[in-house]
Amino acid sequence: MEDGLNFGLQLAKTLGGLAVVLAVLVACTLGLKKTGLWIRRPETEPWIRVLAQRAIGVKHQVVLLKVQDRTLLVGVSPQGISLLTQFEEEARDSAAAPSVTMSSPHESSQTQQPL
């Protein structure tokens, strides 16, 4: 009979400890949500956006980025990220054909290509 009493007491201690741990976890979760540290909300207008990306190998890809008012083409590899070229949109009126100024970090000349 005493074994049953010890078992019941041990079970009550274990469940009580579990309840305390769960209460602490819930309190921490609610505290993080209330302070805003739980999940960062995305910005309404991010200053950098990925417009397109294309894999050109197993671990290599080309990524077209929009950073504020500039469009960048970068290469991504295990060795790092390299700027391939930079596109800057020119001011244009609605009747003109759209064009983009393209400059390479390796060359100082600029060329215009229609979109």
C-alpha atoms as a PDB file:
ATOM      1  CA  MET A   1       0.000   0.000   0.000  1.00  0.00           C
ATOM      2  CA  GLU A   2       2.872   2.336   0.746  1.00  0.00           C
ATOM      3  CA  ASP A   3       4.281   1.750  -2.769  1.00  0.00           C
ATOM      4  CA  GLY A   4       1.076   3.081  -4.308  1.00  0.00           C
ATOM      5  CA  LEU A   5       1.269   6.179  -2.121  1.00  0.00           C
ATOM      6  CA  ASN A   6       4.921   6.814  -3.084  1.00  0.00           C
ATOM      7  CA  PHE A   7       4.055   6.336  -6.758  1.00  0.00           C
ATOM      8  CA  GLY A   8       1.191   8.821  -6.511  1.00  0.00           C
ATOM      9  CA  LEU A   9       3.382  11.344  -4.711  1.00  0.00           C
ATOM     10  CA  GLN A  10       6.180  10.931  -7.255  1.00  0.00           C
ATOM     11  CA  LEU A  11       3.683  11.323 -10.138  1.00  0.00           C
ATOM     12  CA  ALA A  12       2.273  14.506  -8.568  1.00  0.00           C
ATOM     13  CA  LYS A  13       5.784  15.977  -8.178  1.00  0.00           C
ATOM     14  CA  THR A  14       6.651  15.157 -11.801  1.00  0.00           C
ATOM     15  CA  LEU A  15       3.429  16.623 -13.173  1.00  0.00           C
ATOM     16  CA  GLY A  16       3.842  19.709 -10.975  1.00  0.00           C
ATOM     17  CA  GLY A  17       7.378  20.242 -12.287  1.00  0.00           C
ATOM     18  CA  LEU A  18       6.166  19.800 -15.850  1.00  0.00           C
ATOM     19  CA  ALA A  19       3.403  22.359 -15.267  1.00  0.00           C
ATOM     20  CA  VAL A  20       5.939  24.873 -13.926  1.00  0.00           C
ATOM     21  CA  VAL A  21       8.238  24.395 -16.949  1.00  0.00           C
ATOM     22  CA  LEU A  22       5.327  24.779 -19.386  1.00  0.00           C
ATOM     23  CA  ALA A  23       4.128  27.919 -17.569  1.00  0.00           C
ATOM     24  CA  VAL A  24       7.610  29.452 -17.849  1.00  0.00           C
ATOM     25  CA  LEU A  25       7.756  28.637 -21.591  1.00  0.00           C
ATOM     26  CA  VAL A  26       4.335  30.197 -22.198  1.00  0.00           C
ATOM     27  CA  ALA A  27       5.296  33.304 -20.205  1.00  0.00           C
ATOM     28  CA  CYS A  28       8.543  33.686 -22.182  1.00  0.00           C
ATOM     29  CA  THR A  29       6.720  33.275 -25.498  1.00  0.00           C
ATOM     30  CA  LEU A  30       4.108  35.869 -24.580  1.00  0.00           C
ATOM     31  CA  GLY A  31       6.818  38.243 -23.353  1.00  0.00           C
ATOM     32  CA  LEU A  32       8.764  37.925 -26.610  1.00  0.00           C
ATOM     33  CA  LYS A  33       5.649  38.488 -28.697  1.00  0.00           C
ATOM     34  CA  LYS A  34       4.683  41.534 -26.651  1.00  0.00           C
ATOM     35  CA  THR A  35       8.136  43.152 -26.926  1.00  0.00           C
ATOM     36  CA  GLY A  36       8.311  42.499 -30.670  1.00  0.00           C
ATOM     37  CA  LEU A  37      11.408  40.311 -30.491  1.00  0.00           C
ATOM     38  CA  TRP A  38       9.534  37.149 -31.493  1.00  0.00           C
ATOM     39  CA  ILE A  39       9.215  37.660 -35.253  1.00  0.00           C
ATOM     40  CA  ARG A  40      10.477  40.596 -37.278  1.00  0.00           C
ATOM     41  CA  ARG A  41       7.763  41.930 -39.505  1.00  0.00           C
ATOM     42  CA  PRO A  42       8.862  42.592 -43.082  1.00  0.00           C
ATOM     43  CA  GLU A  43       9.314  46.207 -44.018  1.00  0.00           C
ATOM     44  CA  THR A  44       6.597  47.698 -46.173  1.00  0.00           C
ATOM     45  CA  GLU A  45       9.142  48.848 -48.780  1.00  0.00           C
ATOM     46  CA  PRO A  46      12.414  46.935 -48.513  1.00  0.00           C
ATOM     47  CA  TRP A  47      15.469  48.798 -49.787  1.00  0.00           C
ATOM     48  CA  ILE A  48      16.814  45.678 -51.491  1.00  0.00           C
ATOM     49  CA  ARG A  49      14.759  43.233 -53.568  1.00  0.00           C
ATOM     50  CA  VAL A  50      15.634  40.139 -55.579  1.00  0.00           C
ATOM     51  CA  LEU A  51      14.110  40.637 -59.037  1.00  0.00           C
ATOM     52  CA  ALA A  52      15.333  37.375 -60.581  1.00  0.00           C
ATOM     53  CA  GLN A  53      17.851  34.638 -60.033  1.00  0.00           C
ATOM     54  CA  ARG A  54      19.163  31.895 -62.275  1.00  0.00           C
ATOM     55  CA  ALA A  55      21.373  28.939 -61.417  1.00  0.00           C
ATOM     56  CA  ILE A  56      24.268  28.572 -63.833  1.00  0.00           C
ATOM     57  CA  GLY A  57      25.917  25.652 -62.078  1.00  0.00           C
ATOM     58  CA  VAL A  58      25.618  23.454 -59.047  1.00  0.00           C
ATOM     59  CA  LYS A  59      26.840  26.142 -56.638  1.00  0.00           C
ATOM     60  CA  HIS A  60      26.836  29.210 -58.908  1.00  0.00           C
ATOM     61  CA  GLN A  61      24.039  31.600 -59.757  1.00  0.00           C
ATOM     62  CA  VAL A  62      23.346  35.014 -61.235  1.00  0.00           C
ATOM     63  CA  VAL A  63      21.050  37.315 -59.250  1.00  0.00           C
ATOM     64  CA  LEU A  64      19.353  40.517 -60.435  1.00  0.00           C
ATOM     65  CA  LEU A  65      18.880  42.897 -57.485  1.00  0.00           C
ATOM     66  CA  LYS A  66      17.036  46.184 -57.113  1.00  0.00           C
ATOM     67  CA  VAL A  67      18.818  48.382 -54.556  1.00  0.00           C
ATOM     68  CA  GLN A  68      16.980  51.668 -54.050  1.00  0.00           C
ATOM     69  CA  ASP A  69      17.086  53.246 -57.554  1.00  0.00           C
ATOM     70  CA  ARG A  70      19.770  50.984 -59.041  1.00  0.00           C
ATOM     71  CA  THR A  71      19.557  47.527 -60.563  1.00  0.00           C
ATOM     72  CA  LEU A  72      22.570  45.255 -60.019  1.00  0.00           C
ATOM     73  CA  LEU A  73      23.538  41.976 -61.618  1.00  0.00           C
ATOM     74  CA  VAL A  74      25.699  39.931 -59.269  1.00  0.00           C
ATOM     75  CA  GLY A  75      27.316  36.519 -59.466  1.00  0.00           C
ATOM     76  CA  VAL A  76      27.131  34.262 -56.426  1.00  0.00           C
ATOM     77  CA  SER A  77      29.565  31.404 -55.858  1.00  0.00           C
ATOM     78  CA  PRO A  78      31.060  29.580 -52.865  1.00  0.00           C
ATOM     79  CA  GLN A  79      33.996  32.021 -53.066  1.00  0.00           C
ATOM     80  CA  GLY A  80      31.753  35.068 -52.616  1.00  0.00           C
ATOM     81  CA  ILE A  81      29.562  37.602 -54.402  1.00  0.00           C
ATOM     82  CA  SER A  82      30.833  39.632 -57.373  1.00  0.00           C
ATOM     83  CA  LEU A  83      29.237  42.639 -59.046  1.00  0.00           C
ATOM     84  CA  LEU A  84      28.915  41.791 -62.746  1.00  0.00           C
ATOM     85  CA  THR A  85      27.206  44.961 -63.964  1.00  0.00           C
ATOM     86  CA  GLN A  86      25.036  47.838 -62.805  1.00  0.00           C
ATOM     87  CA  PHE A  87      21.922  49.192 -64.520  1.00  0.00           C
ATOM     88  CA  GLU A  88      20.688  52.713 -63.819  1.00  0.00           C
ATOM     89  CA  GLU A  89      17.312  53.798 -65.104  1.00  0.00           C
ATOM     90  CA  GLU A  90      17.340  57.124 -66.906  1.00  0.00           C
ATOM     91  CA  ALA A  91      14.609  59.741 -66.708  1.00  0.00           C
ATOM     92  CA  ARG A  92      12.328  59.241 -69.681  1.00  0.00           C
ATOM     93  CA  ASP A  93       9.015  60.525 -70.920  1.00  0.00           C
ATOM     94  CA  SER A  94       6.092  58.177 -71.586  1.00  0.00           C
ATOM     95  CA  ALA A  95       6.449  58.369 -75.419  1.00  0.00           C
ATOM     96  CA  ALA A  96      10.131  57.371 -75.510  1.00  0.00           C
ATOM     97  CA  ALA A  97      11.268  53.776 -75.733  1.00  0.00           C
ATOM     98  CA  PRO A  98      12.529  52.523 -72.400  1.00  0.00           C
ATOM     99  CA  SER A  99      16.291  52.287 -72.137  1.00  0.00           C
ATOM    100  CA  VAL A 100      18.722  51.317 -69.445  1.00  0.00           C
ATOM    101  CA  THR A 101      22.273  52.543 -68.916  1.00  0.00           C
ATOM    102  CA  MET A 102      24.557  49.625 -68.292  1.00  0.00           C
ATOM    103  CA  SER A 103      27.942  50.014 -66.654  1.00  0.00           C
ATOM    104  CA  SER A 104      30.385  47.290 -65.770  1.00  0.00           C
ATOM    105  CA  PRO A 105      32.692  47.536 -62.786  1.00  0.00           C
ATOM    106  CA  HIS A 106      35.525  46.363 -65.081  1.00  0.00           C
ATOM    107  CA  GLU A 107      34.951  48.866 -67.873  1.00  0.00           C
ATOM    108  CA  SER A 108      34.493  52.620 -67.763  1.00  0.00           C
ATOM    109  CA  SER A 109      32.416  52.853 -70.973  1.00  0.00           C
ATOM    110  CA  GLN A 110      28.628  52.901 -70.866  1.00  0.00           C
ATOM    111  CA  THR A 111      26.278  51.466 -73.459  1.00  0.00           C
ATOM    112  CA  GLN A 112      22.560  51.898 -73.936  1.00  0.00           C
ATOM    113  CA  GLN A 113      20.379  48.946 -74.736  1.00  0.00           C
ATOM    114  CA  PRO A 114      16.618  49.071 -75.337  1.00  0.00           C
ATOM    115  CA  LEU A 115      14.485  46.980 -72.989  1.00  0.00           C
END
